[in-house]
Protein backbone atom coordinates (compact mmCIF):
# COMPACT_ATOMS: atom_id res chain seq x y z
CA MET A 1 0.00 0.00 0.00
CA THR A 2 1.40 3.38 -0.97
CA PRO A 3 0.82 6.28 1.39
CA PRO A 4 -1.35 9.15 0.10
CA ARG A 5 0.30 12.20 -1.43
CA ASN A 6 -0.94 15.75 -1.84
CA ASP A 7 -1.02 17.68 -5.13
CA LYS A 8 2.64 18.76 -4.70
CA GLY A 9 3.74 15.15 -4.37
CA ASP A 10 4.46 15.41 -0.64
CA LEU A 11 3.88 12.31 1.43
CA ARG A 12 1.05 12.43 3.95
CA MET A 13 0.77 10.14 6.97
CA SER A 14 -0.86 10.13 10.36
CA GLU A 15 1.03 11.03 13.50
CA ALA A 16 1.04 7.38 14.64
CA GLU A 17 2.50 6.26 11.31
CA PHE A 18 5.08 9.03 11.49
CA ARG A 19 6.09 8.05 15.04
CA ALA A 20 6.43 4.39 14.01
CA PHE A 21 8.50 5.41 10.97
CA LEU A 22 10.69 7.66 13.12
CA SER A 23 11.16 4.95 15.74
CA GLN A 24 12.20 2.41 13.12
CA ALA A 25 14.63 4.88 11.52
CA ALA A 26 16.17 5.69 14.91
CA GLU A 27 16.62 2.01 15.74
CA GLU A 28 18.25 1.26 12.41
CA GLY A 29 20.49 4.32 12.76
CA ALA A 30 21.60 3.25 16.23
CA LYS A 31 22.38 -0.26 14.98
CA ARG A 32 24.40 1.18 12.10
CA ALA A 33 26.30 3.49 14.48
CA LEU A 34 27.14 0.57 16.78
CA ALA A 35 28.25 -1.49 13.77
CA ASP A 36 30.47 1.37 12.56
CA ALA A 37 32.02 1.59 16.04
CA GLY A 38 32.60 -2.18 16.04
CA ILE A 39 30.42 -2.97 19.05
CA ASP A 40 27.52 -4.72 17.39
CA GLY A 41 26.41 -8.32 17.54
CA LYS A 42 25.64 -10.62 20.40
CA ASP A 43 28.52 -9.34 22.56
CA ALA A 44 27.57 -5.65 22.26
CA ALA A 45 26.17 -5.40 25.79
CA LEU A 46 29.30 -7.02 27.23
CA ASP A 47 31.52 -4.69 25.18
CA ILE A 48 29.68 -1.62 26.45
CA ARG A 49 29.89 -2.86 30.05
CA ASP A 50 33.63 -3.41 29.57
CA LEU A 51 34.07 0.07 28.14
CA ARG A 52 32.17 1.62 31.06
CA SER A 53 34.26 -0.38 33.50
CA LEU A 54 37.44 0.79 31.77
CA LEU A 55 36.28 4.41 31.97
CA ASP A 56 35.51 3.98 35.68
CA CYS A 57 39.01 2.60 36.23
CA ILE A 58 40.59 5.51 34.35
CA ARG A 59 38.63 8.00 36.47
CA PHE A 60 39.68 6.20 39.66
CA VAL A 61 43.35 6.20 38.63
CA ARG A 62 43.21 9.89 37.73
CA ARG A 63 41.57 10.76 41.07
CA THR A 64 44.10 8.66 42.99
CA ALA A 65 47.03 10.24 41.12
CA VAL A 66 45.82 13.74 41.99
CA GLN A 67 45.32 12.78 45.63
CA THR A 68 48.82 11.26 45.74
CA ALA A 69 50.38 14.38 44.21
CA VAL A 70 48.61 16.61 46.74
CA HIS A 71 49.72 14.31 49.56
CA LEU A 72 53.36 14.39 48.41
CA ILE A 73 53.38 18.17 48.02
CA THR A 74 51.82 18.63 51.45
CA THR A 75 54.33 16.25 53.04
CA GLY A 76 57.23 18.05 51.34
CA VAL A 77 56.05 21.45 52.59
CA MET A 78 55.62 20.09 56.12
CA LEU A 79 59.11 18.54 56.08
CA ALA A 80 60.62 21.79 54.84
CA LEU A 81 58.88 23.71 57.63
CA LEU A 82 60.06 21.22 60.24
CA ALA A 83 63.63 21.40 58.91
CA GLY A 84 63.49 25.20 59.02
CA ILE A 85 62.20 25.14 62.59
CA ALA A 86 64.89 22.64 63.61
CA LEU A 87 67.63 24.83 62.10
CA LYS A 88 66.21 27.98 63.68
CA LEU A 89 66.07 26.38 67.13
CA LYS A 90 69.54 24.78 66.64
CA ILE A 91 68.21 21.34 67.62
CA PHE A 92 70.88 19.42 65.69
CA GLY A 93 73.89 21.01 67.28
CA GLY A 94 75.40 24.44 67.45
CA GLY A 95 75.80 26.23 64.21
CA PRO A 96 77.91 29.26 63.41
């Protein structure tokens, strides 16, 4: 069955038909996009879970690296302050 057309040749369809057509086009487009990315087929869900897990691990490593850098910088500043205090108070022997 061919859908009705108006006098300009434009296609006419009901809103329900249009929504069904749009839904089918979106589904086929999503499948094509997944196929282009190489994550289609029966293992697609597993691949996406693995990718999300990998991204979570990368975020965790980045957060841990920043925390470690802040910890090292803070420790270095504290050690420098303690060394300065020790020198000022001449704790490690008499200086000049």
